[in-house]
Amino acid sequence: MLINKSLLYDELYPLNDNQEIKHPAVHEVISFGELDYYSLINLFLVYPIDIIVELYEMVGKSYKSFFEYYEKLTQYDIFIMLYGSNTELYNKLIKFFLGDVDFVLAQHKDTQDIILYDDQKDIVFDLTSFMIMSNFIRTIHHIPNDPSKTAKKSKTLMKVLIETGIANKQFLTKQREKDKMSGKTGEQLNKLMSKISIASQFKRDDLKDMRLYEFYETLNQVISYAYWQFKMGAYFSGNIDTSKVNKKELEWFYD
């Protein structure tokens, strides 16, 4: 995770010597389109294991051939694959973060690696850029790293994941269609702002102007404070065994 100190206040975060990543405010995400935003940022967050069913269906070979293919994949490979599947759509997200760039897939002239390249501005977005961007997006949304995503898995387990995923795929598709027809959009930011303002002294105007890292940090603290109030009420009313309570848990302010 990144050093979080500057993320509470700064609008920009360095990507390299020539580029900076915009740290969006809540209202900017809403203006961009909340559903599109949270779907598209997966470009920088998805691991091969997350889309193992889609990868298996795409390769369409025996399990033996698939496992040989799968074991060579990296998160950066998935990034390049997804980007290439809809360059125009993903460029919309990249421009949101990096400004006026116009990337296409290209091959690095020195390393021969597949990269994103803006030939008009001679800007390269390579593996290093991807890792910084991925870490940045993960941090501002308070998404922890999950070591299990990259841990080596047995072929038996992966086969179970594939077969279970295929079996569930039709159900999930129908469920998404049902949610869409019932008006369940999945948009959360406005709801979260309402809940935070009710549970705290923050006003909606203050919340919508917060950068995402501060917003999610505020949300976590509001939840923590509500839990602390509940625990304190139970503690002083005698509804819990005080001898088993860790006294440090009562010091919310210093948590």
C-alpha atoms as a PDB file:
ATOM      1  CA  MET A   1       0.000   0.000   0.000  1.00  0.00           C
ATOM      2  CA  LEU A   2       1.105   3.577  -0.585  1.00  0.00           C
ATOM      3  CA  ILE A   3       2.189   6.008   2.097  1.00  0.00           C
ATOM      4  CA  ASN A   4      -1.208   7.443   2.940  1.00  0.00           C
ATOM      5  CA  LYS A   5      -0.268  10.796   4.482  1.00  0.00           C
ATOM      6  CA  SER A   6      -0.499  12.850   1.281  1.00  0.00           C
ATOM      7  CA  LEU A   7      -3.616  11.046   0.095  1.00  0.00           C
ATOM      8  CA  LEU A   8      -5.708  12.765   2.748  1.00  0.00           C
ATOM      9  CA  TYR A   9      -5.107  16.126   1.128  1.00  0.00           C
ATOM     10  CA  ASP A  10      -3.463  15.995  -2.293  1.00  0.00           C
ATOM     11  CA  GLU A  11      -5.298  16.066  -5.607  1.00  0.00           C
ATOM     12  CA  LEU A  12      -2.410  14.579  -7.597  1.00  0.00           C
ATOM     13  CA  TYR A  13      -0.066  11.641  -7.049  1.00  0.00           C
ATOM     14  CA  PRO A  14       3.157  11.132  -9.049  1.00  0.00           C
ATOM     15  CA  LEU A  15       3.158   8.357 -11.636  1.00  0.00           C
ATOM     16  CA  ASN A  16       6.574   9.179 -13.104  1.00  0.00           C
ATOM     17  CA  ASP A  17       8.761  12.221 -13.797  1.00  0.00           C
ATOM     18  CA  ASN A  18       6.298  13.591 -16.354  1.00  0.00           C
ATOM     19  CA  GLN A  19       2.858  12.403 -15.254  1.00  0.00           C
ATOM     20  CA  GLU A  20       0.614  12.580 -12.222  1.00  0.00           C
ATOM     21  CA  ILE A  21      -2.475  10.579 -11.288  1.00  0.00           C
ATOM     22  CA  LYS A  22      -5.579  12.533 -10.351  1.00  0.00           C
ATOM     23  CA  HIS A  23      -6.988  11.624  -6.957  1.00  0.00           C
ATOM     24  CA  PRO A  24     -10.715  12.042  -7.686  1.00  0.00           C
ATOM     25  CA  ALA A  25     -13.266  13.589  -5.362  1.00  0.00           C
ATOM     26  CA  VAL A  26     -16.572  11.844  -4.665  1.00  0.00           C
ATOM     27  CA  HIS A  27     -18.542  14.241  -6.883  1.00  0.00           C
ATOM     28  CA  GLU A  28     -16.149  13.595  -9.787  1.00  0.00           C
ATOM     29  CA  VAL A  29     -16.811   9.861  -9.602  1.00  0.00           C
ATOM     30  CA  ILE A  30     -20.557  10.510  -9.538  1.00  0.00           C
ATOM     31  CA  SER A  31     -20.231  12.799 -12.583  1.00  0.00           C
ATOM     32  CA  PHE A  32     -18.124  10.206 -14.417  1.00  0.00           C
ATOM     33  CA  GLY A  33     -20.776   7.576 -13.728  1.00  0.00           C
ATOM     34  CA  GLU A  34     -20.501   5.522 -10.586  1.00  0.00           C
ATOM     35  CA  LEU A  35     -21.369   2.172 -12.149  1.00  0.00           C
ATOM     36  CA  ASP A  36     -18.931   2.651 -15.034  1.00  0.00           C
ATOM     37  CA  TYR A  37     -16.191   3.862 -12.692  1.00  0.00           C
ATOM     38  CA  TYR A  38     -16.322   0.960 -10.245  1.00  0.00           C
ATOM     39  CA  SER A  39     -16.581  -1.522 -13.088  1.00  0.00           C
ATOM     40  CA  LEU A  40     -13.717  -0.047 -15.096  1.00  0.00           C
ATOM     41  CA  ILE A  41     -11.204   0.289 -12.237  1.00  0.00           C
ATOM     42  CA  ASN A  42     -11.126  -3.509 -12.170  1.00  0.00           C
ATOM     43  CA  LEU A  43      -8.812  -3.075 -15.143  1.00  0.00           C
ATOM     44  CA  PHE A  44      -6.113  -2.343 -12.538  1.00  0.00           C
ATOM     45  CA  LEU A  45      -7.289  -4.754  -9.848  1.00  0.00           C
ATOM     46  CA  VAL A  46      -8.171  -8.054 -11.539  1.00  0.00           C
ATOM     47  CA  TYR A  47      -5.931 -11.083 -11.081  1.00  0.00           C
ATOM     48  CA  PRO A  48      -5.981 -14.152 -13.341  1.00  0.00           C
ATOM     49  CA  ILE A  49      -7.800 -16.145 -10.648  1.00  0.00           C
ATOM     50  CA  ASP A  50     -10.662 -13.605 -10.687  1.00  0.00           C
ATOM     51  CA  ILE A  51     -11.550 -14.435 -14.277  1.00  0.00           C
ATOM     52  CA  ILE A  52     -10.426 -18.044 -14.447  1.00  0.00           C
ATOM     53  CA  VAL A  53     -13.778 -19.145 -15.911  1.00  0.00           C
ATOM     54  CA  GLU A  54     -13.625 -16.563 -18.709  1.00  0.00           C
ATOM     55  CA  LEU A  55     -10.009 -17.485 -19.423  1.00  0.00           C
ATOM     56  CA  TYR A  56     -10.872 -21.180 -19.608  1.00  0.00           C
ATOM     57  CA  GLU A  57     -13.799 -20.530 -21.952  1.00  0.00           C
ATOM     58  CA  MET A  58     -11.618 -18.297 -24.117  1.00  0.00           C
ATOM     59  CA  VAL A  59      -8.808 -20.832 -24.466  1.00  0.00           C
ATOM     60  CA  GLY A  60     -11.277 -23.678 -25.015  1.00  0.00           C
ATOM     61  CA  LYS A  61      -8.724 -26.475 -24.728  1.00  0.00           C
ATOM     62  CA  SER A  62      -8.146 -29.380 -22.376  1.00  0.00           C
ATOM     63  CA  TYR A  63      -7.464 -28.729 -18.711  1.00  0.00           C
ATOM     64  CA  LYS A  64      -3.833 -29.714 -19.243  1.00  0.00           C
ATOM     65  CA  SER A  65      -3.353 -27.131 -22.001  1.00  0.00           C
ATOM     66  CA  PHE A  66      -5.249 -24.511 -20.032  1.00  0.00           C
ATOM     67  CA  PHE A  67      -3.172 -24.962 -16.892  1.00  0.00           C
ATOM     68  CA  GLU A  68       0.030 -24.585 -18.914  1.00  0.00           C
ATOM     69  CA  TYR A  69      -1.363 -21.346 -20.355  1.00  0.00           C
ATOM     70  CA  TYR A  70      -2.757 -20.090 -17.042  1.00  0.00           C
ATOM     71  CA  GLU A  71       0.402 -20.594 -14.988  1.00  0.00           C
ATOM     72  CA  LYS A  72       2.299 -18.176 -17.220  1.00  0.00           C
ATOM     73  CA  LEU A  73      -0.225 -15.348 -16.808  1.00  0.00           C
ATOM     74  CA  THR A  74       0.458 -12.272 -14.666  1.00  0.00           C
ATOM     75  CA  GLN A  75      -1.779  -9.469 -13.493  1.00  0.00           C
ATOM     76  CA  TYR A  76      -0.179  -7.224 -16.107  1.00  0.00           C
ATOM     77  CA  ASP A  77      -1.072  -9.767 -18.818  1.00  0.00           C
ATOM     78  CA  ILE A  78      -4.715  -9.543 -17.731  1.00  0.00           C
ATOM     79  CA  PHE A  79      -4.510  -5.745 -17.799  1.00  0.00           C
ATOM     80  CA  ILE A  80      -3.238  -5.790 -21.396  1.00  0.00           C
ATOM     81  CA  MET A  81      -5.847  -8.381 -22.377  1.00  0.00           C
ATOM     82  CA  LEU A  82      -8.761  -6.420 -20.891  1.00  0.00           C
ATOM     83  CA  TYR A  83      -7.509  -3.111 -22.282  1.00  0.00           C
ATOM     84  CA  GLY A  84      -7.250  -4.595 -25.758  1.00  0.00           C
ATOM     85  CA  SER A  85     -10.801  -5.944 -25.526  1.00  0.00           C
ATOM     86  CA  ASN A  86     -12.267  -2.415 -25.373  1.00  0.00           C
ATOM     87  CA  THR A  87      -9.607   0.250 -25.870  1.00  0.00           C
ATOM     88  CA  GLU A  88     -12.054   3.126 -26.287  1.00  0.00           C
ATOM     89  CA  LEU A  89     -13.919   2.369 -23.059  1.00  0.00           C
ATOM     90  CA  TYR A  90     -10.814   1.870 -20.938  1.00  0.00           C
ATOM     91  CA  ASN A  91      -9.164   4.978 -22.400  1.00  0.00           C
ATOM     92  CA  LYS A  92     -12.087   6.923 -20.932  1.00  0.00           C
ATOM     93  CA  LEU A  93     -11.046   5.742 -17.467  1.00  0.00           C
ATOM     94  CA  ILE A  94      -7.343   6.322 -18.080  1.00  0.00           C
ATOM     95  CA  LYS A  95      -8.032   9.887 -19.267  1.00  0.00           C
ATOM     96  CA  PHE A  96     -10.085  10.429 -16.108  1.00  0.00           C
ATOM     97  CA  PHE A  97      -6.982   9.667 -14.055  1.00  0.00           C
ATOM     98  CA  LEU A  98      -4.142  10.855 -16.306  1.00  0.00           C
ATOM     99  CA  GLY A  99      -5.648  13.663 -18.358  1.00  0.00           C
ATOM    100  CA  ASP A 100      -5.339  14.165 -22.104  1.00  0.00           C
ATOM    101  CA  VAL A 101      -3.617  10.980 -23.271  1.00  0.00           C
ATOM    102  CA  ASP A 102      -4.563   8.777 -26.188  1.00  0.00           C
ATOM    103  CA  PHE A 103      -3.080   5.320 -25.716  1.00  0.00           C
ATOM    104  CA  VAL A 104      -2.967   2.348 -28.043  1.00  0.00           C
ATOM    105  CA  LEU A 105      -1.349  -1.043 -27.595  1.00  0.00           C
ATOM    106  CA  ALA A 106       2.225  -1.118 -28.851  1.00  0.00           C
ATOM    107  CA  GLN A 107       5.487  -3.005 -28.484  1.00  0.00           C
ATOM    108  CA  HIS A 108       8.319  -1.346 -26.569  1.00  0.00           C
ATOM    109  CA  LYS A 109      11.172  -0.724 -28.986  1.00  0.00           C
ATOM    110  CA  ASP A 110      13.835  -1.825 -26.461  1.00  0.00           C
ATOM    111  CA  THR A 111      12.259  -4.528 -24.285  1.00  0.00           C
ATOM    112  CA  GLN A 112       9.710  -5.802 -26.847  1.00  0.00           C
ATOM    113  CA  ASP A 113       7.133  -5.838 -24.037  1.00  0.00           C
ATOM    114  CA  ILE A 114       3.513  -4.963 -24.827  1.00  0.00           C
ATOM    115  CA  ILE A 115       2.751  -1.473 -23.513  1.00  0.00           C
ATOM    116  CA  LEU A 116       0.279   1.381 -23.843  1.00  0.00           C
ATOM    117  CA  TYR A 117       1.697   4.186 -25.955  1.00  0.00           C
ATOM    118  CA  ASP A 118       0.663   7.706 -26.944  1.00  0.00           C
ATOM    119  CA  ASP A 119       2.748   8.441 -30.067  1.00  0.00           C
ATOM    120  CA  GLN A 120       1.683  12.084 -30.252  1.00  0.00           C
ATOM    121  CA  LYS A 121       3.062  12.859 -26.788  1.00  0.00           C
ATOM    122  CA  ASP A 122       5.623  10.018 -26.678  1.00  0.00           C
ATOM    123  CA  ILE A 123       4.152   8.714 -23.398  1.00  0.00           C
ATOM    124  CA  VAL A 124       4.725   5.116 -22.339  1.00  0.00           C
ATOM    125  CA  PHE A 125       2.524   3.243 -19.873  1.00  0.00           C
ATOM    126  CA  ASP A 126       4.378   0.039 -19.008  1.00  0.00           C
ATOM    127  CA  LEU A 127       4.540  -2.572 -16.252  1.00  0.00           C
ATOM    128  CA  THR A 128       6.015  -0.103 -13.761  1.00  0.00           C
ATOM    129  CA  SER A 129       3.291   2.443 -14.505  1.00  0.00           C
ATOM    130  CA  PHE A 130       0.678  -0.279 -14.122  1.00  0.00           C
ATOM    131  CA  MET A 131       1.984  -1.364 -10.720  1.00  0.00           C
ATOM    132  CA  ILE A 132       1.989   2.217  -9.410  1.00  0.00           C
ATOM    133  CA  MET A 133      -1.499   2.860 -10.788  1.00  0.00           C
ATOM    134  CA  SER A 134      -2.848  -0.412  -9.413  1.00  0.00           C
ATOM    135  CA  ASN A 135      -1.399   0.307  -5.976  1.00  0.00           C
ATOM    136  CA  PHE A 136      -2.785   3.849  -6.049  1.00  0.00           C
ATOM    137  CA  ILE A 137      -6.321   2.733  -6.947  1.00  0.00           C
ATOM    138  CA  ARG A 138      -6.240  -0.019  -4.361  1.00  0.00           C
ATOM    139  CA  THR A 139      -5.097   2.425  -1.682  1.00  0.00           C
ATOM    140  CA  ILE A 140      -7.578   5.251  -2.295  1.00  0.00           C
ATOM    141  CA  HIS A 141     -10.432   2.737  -2.117  1.00  0.00           C
ATOM    142  CA  HIS A 142      -8.993   1.048   0.987  1.00  0.00           C
ATOM    143  CA  ILE A 143      -8.830  -2.302  -0.828  1.00  0.00           C
ATOM    144  CA  PRO A 144      -6.209  -4.477   0.905  1.00  0.00           C
ATOM    145  CA  ASN A 145      -3.830  -6.721  -0.974  1.00  0.00           C
ATOM    146  CA  ASP A 146      -4.983 -10.331  -0.952  1.00  0.00           C
ATOM    147  CA  PRO A 147      -2.002 -12.730  -1.028  1.00  0.00           C
ATOM    148  CA  SER A 148      -4.352 -15.624  -1.806  1.00  0.00           C
ATOM    149  CA  LYS A 149      -4.907 -14.121  -5.270  1.00  0.00           C
ATOM    150  CA  THR A 150      -1.344 -14.888  -6.320  1.00  0.00           C
ATOM    151  CA  ALA A 151      -0.727 -17.973  -4.171  1.00  0.00           C
ATOM    152  CA  LYS A 152      -0.092 -21.116  -6.192  1.00  0.00           C
ATOM    153  CA  LYS A 153      -3.177 -23.328  -6.317  1.00  0.00           C
ATOM    154  CA  SER A 154      -3.507 -27.000  -7.060  1.00  0.00           C
ATOM    155  CA  LYS A 155      -4.900 -28.074 -10.395  1.00  0.00           C
ATOM    156  CA  THR A 156      -7.694 -29.867  -8.550  1.00  0.00           C
ATOM    157  CA  LEU A 157      -8.784 -26.655  -6.833  1.00  0.00           C
ATOM    158  CA  MET A 158      -8.625 -24.669 -10.063  1.00  0.00           C
ATOM    159  CA  LYS A 159     -10.717 -27.306 -11.823  1.00  0.00           C
ATOM    160  CA  VAL A 160     -13.340 -27.021  -9.065  1.00  0.00           C
ATOM    161  CA  LEU A 161     -13.302 -23.215  -9.372  1.00  0.00           C
ATOM    162  CA  ILE A 162     -13.833 -23.432 -13.128  1.00  0.00           C
ATOM    163  CA  GLU A 163     -16.645 -25.974 -12.957  1.00  0.00           C
ATOM    164  CA  THR A 164     -18.392 -24.151 -10.102  1.00  0.00           C
ATOM    165  CA  GLY A 165     -17.994 -20.833 -11.900  1.00  0.00           C
ATOM    166  CA  ILE A 166     -19.489 -22.195 -15.116  1.00  0.00           C
ATOM    167  CA  ALA A 167     -22.413 -23.637 -13.182  1.00  0.00           C
ATOM    168  CA  ASN A 168     -23.079 -20.314 -11.418  1.00  0.00           C
ATOM    169  CA  LYS A 169     -22.586 -18.113 -14.462  1.00  0.00           C
ATOM    170  CA  GLN A 170     -26.097 -18.511 -15.865  1.00  0.00           C
ATOM    171  CA  PHE A 171     -27.669 -17.842 -12.459  1.00  0.00           C
ATOM    172  CA  LEU A 172     -25.593 -14.680 -11.926  1.00  0.00           C
ATOM    173  CA  THR A 173     -26.492 -13.392 -15.392  1.00  0.00           C
ATOM    174  CA  LYS A 174     -30.191 -13.852 -14.675  1.00  0.00           C
ATOM    175  CA  GLN A 175     -29.795 -12.214 -11.262  1.00  0.00           C
ATOM    176  CA  ARG A 176     -28.143  -9.133 -12.811  1.00  0.00           C
ATOM    177  CA  GLU A 177     -30.968  -8.862 -15.335  1.00  0.00           C
ATOM    178  CA  LYS A 178     -33.508  -9.185 -12.522  1.00  0.00           C
ATOM    179  CA  ASP A 179     -31.772  -6.470 -10.472  1.00  0.00           C
ATOM    180  CA  LYS A 180     -31.686  -4.189 -13.506  1.00  0.00           C
ATOM    181  CA  MET A 181     -35.408  -4.618 -14.143  1.00  0.00           C
ATOM    182  CA  SER A 182     -36.215  -4.009 -10.463  1.00  0.00           C
ATOM    183  CA  GLY A 183     -34.240  -0.758 -10.436  1.00  0.00           C
ATOM    184  CA  LYS A 184     -31.327  -2.010  -8.325  1.00  0.00           C
ATOM    185  CA  THR A 185     -28.450  -0.068  -9.856  1.00  0.00           C
ATOM    186  CA  GLY A 186     -25.712  -0.813  -7.348  1.00  0.00           C
ATOM    187  CA  GLU A 187     -24.884   2.885  -6.950  1.00  0.00           C
ATOM    188  CA  GLN A 188     -23.665   3.478  -3.419  1.00  0.00           C
ATOM    189  CA  LEU A 189     -21.917   6.837  -3.007  1.00  0.00           C
ATOM    190  CA  ASN A 190     -25.056   8.937  -2.501  1.00  0.00           C
ATOM    191  CA  LYS A 191     -26.412   6.362  -0.059  1.00  0.00           C
ATOM    192  CA  LEU A 192     -23.129   6.296   1.845  1.00  0.00           C
ATOM    193  CA  MET A 193     -23.038  10.104   2.029  1.00  0.00           C
ATOM    194  CA  SER A 194     -26.552  10.114   3.472  1.00  0.00           C
ATOM    195  CA  LYS A 195     -25.666   7.501   6.077  1.00  0.00           C
ATOM    196  CA  ILE A 196     -22.439   9.248   7.086  1.00  0.00           C
ATOM    197  CA  SER A 197     -24.187  12.619   7.434  1.00  0.00           C
ATOM    198  CA  ILE A 198     -26.909  11.049   9.609  1.00  0.00           C
ATOM    199  CA  ALA A 199     -24.389   9.237  11.814  1.00  0.00           C
ATOM    200  CA  SER A 200     -21.940  12.144  12.139  1.00  0.00           C
ATOM    201  CA  GLN A 201     -21.573  15.912  11.905  1.00  0.00           C
ATOM    202  CA  PHE A 202     -20.490  15.868   8.259  1.00  0.00           C
ATOM    203  CA  LYS A 203     -22.641  17.647   5.684  1.00  0.00           C
ATOM    204  CA  ARG A 204     -23.222  16.207   2.214  1.00  0.00           C
ATOM    205  CA  ASP A 205     -21.394  19.135   0.575  1.00  0.00           C
ATOM    206  CA  ASP A 206     -18.327  18.373   2.701  1.00  0.00           C
ATOM    207  CA  LEU A 207     -18.494  14.688   1.837  1.00  0.00           C
ATOM    208  CA  LYS A 208     -18.911  15.085  -1.926  1.00  0.00           C
ATOM    209  CA  ASP A 209     -15.826  17.313  -2.078  1.00  0.00           C
ATOM    210  CA  MET A 210     -13.648  14.774  -0.263  1.00  0.00           C
ATOM    211  CA  ARG A 211     -10.993  12.856  -2.167  1.00  0.00           C
ATOM    212  CA  LEU A 212     -11.792   9.156  -2.230  1.00  0.00           C
ATOM    213  CA  TYR A 213      -9.129   8.135   0.260  1.00  0.00           C
ATOM    214  CA  GLU A 214     -10.442  10.603   2.849  1.00  0.00           C
ATOM    215  CA  PHE A 215     -14.056   9.627   2.122  1.00  0.00           C
ATOM    216  CA  TYR A 216     -13.457   5.924   2.729  1.00  0.00           C
ATOM    217  CA  GLU A 217     -11.288   6.709   5.754  1.00  0.00           C
ATOM    218  CA  THR A 218     -14.180   8.792   7.137  1.00  0.00           C
ATOM    219  CA  LEU A 219     -16.616   5.964   6.433  1.00  0.00           C
ATOM    220  CA  ASN A 220     -14.406   3.482   8.284  1.00  0.00           C
ATOM    221  CA  GLN A 221     -14.097   5.807  11.281  1.00  0.00           C
ATOM    222  CA  VAL A 222     -17.869   6.444  11.427  1.00  0.00           C
ATOM    223  CA  ILE A 223     -18.480   2.678  11.427  1.00  0.00           C
ATOM    224  CA  SER A 224     -15.782   2.194  14.073  1.00  0.00           C
ATOM    225  CA  TYR A 225     -17.272   4.935  16.241  1.00  0.00           C
ATOM    226  CA  ALA A 226     -20.796   3.487  15.973  1.00  0.00           C
ATOM    227  CA  TYR A 227     -19.449   0.087  17.033  1.00  0.00           C
ATOM    228  CA  TRP A 228     -17.562   1.713  19.936  1.00  0.00           C
ATOM    229  CA  GLN A 229     -20.723   3.498  21.112  1.00  0.00           C
ATOM    230  CA  PHE A 230     -22.631   0.205  21.030  1.00  0.00           C
ATOM    231  CA  LYS A 231     -19.892  -1.538  22.987  1.00  0.00           C
ATOM    232  CA  MET A 232     -19.680   1.254  25.556  1.00  0.00           C
ATOM    233  CA  GLY A 233     -23.450   1.119  26.057  1.00  0.00           C
ATOM    234  CA  ALA A 234     -23.290  -2.622  26.650  1.00  0.00           C
ATOM    235  CA  TYR A 235     -20.240  -2.206  28.915  1.00  0.00           C
ATOM    236  CA  PHE A 236     -21.789   0.342  31.265  1.00  0.00           C
ATOM    237  CA  SER A 237     -25.237  -1.254  31.275  1.00  0.00           C
ATOM    238  CA  GLY A 238     -23.763  -4.536  32.455  1.00  0.00           C
ATOM    239  CA  ASN A 239     -24.861  -6.511  29.402  1.00  0.00           C
ATOM    240  CA  ILE A 240     -21.387  -7.878  28.769  1.00  0.00           C
ATOM    241  CA  ASP A 241     -18.843  -9.501  31.068  1.00  0.00           C
ATOM    242  CA  THR A 242     -16.507  -6.572  31.760  1.00  0.00           C
ATOM    243  CA  SER A 243     -13.768  -8.895  33.022  1.00  0.00           C
ATOM    244  CA  LYS A 244     -13.397 -10.266  29.483  1.00  0.00           C
ATOM    245  CA  VAL A 245     -13.247  -6.895  27.753  1.00  0.00           C
ATOM    246  CA  ASN A 246      -9.892  -5.702  26.462  1.00  0.00           C
ATOM    247  CA  LYS A 247      -9.686  -2.200  27.938  1.00  0.00           C
ATOM    248  CA  LYS A 248      -7.854  -0.962  24.837  1.00  0.00           C
ATOM    249  CA  GLU A 249     -11.062  -1.587  22.881  1.00  0.00           C
ATOM    250  CA  LEU A 250     -12.717   1.153  24.960  1.00  0.00           C
ATOM    251  CA  GLU A 251     -10.202   3.766  23.802  1.00  0.00           C
ATOM    252  CA  TRP A 252     -11.707   4.527  20.388  1.00  0.00           C
ATOM    253  CA  PHE A 253     -10.011   7.919  20.091  1.00  0.00           C
ATOM    254  CA  TYR A 254      -6.551   6.342  20.185  1.00  0.00           C
ATOM    255  CA  ASP A 255      -7.363   3.360  17.979  1.00  0.00           C
END
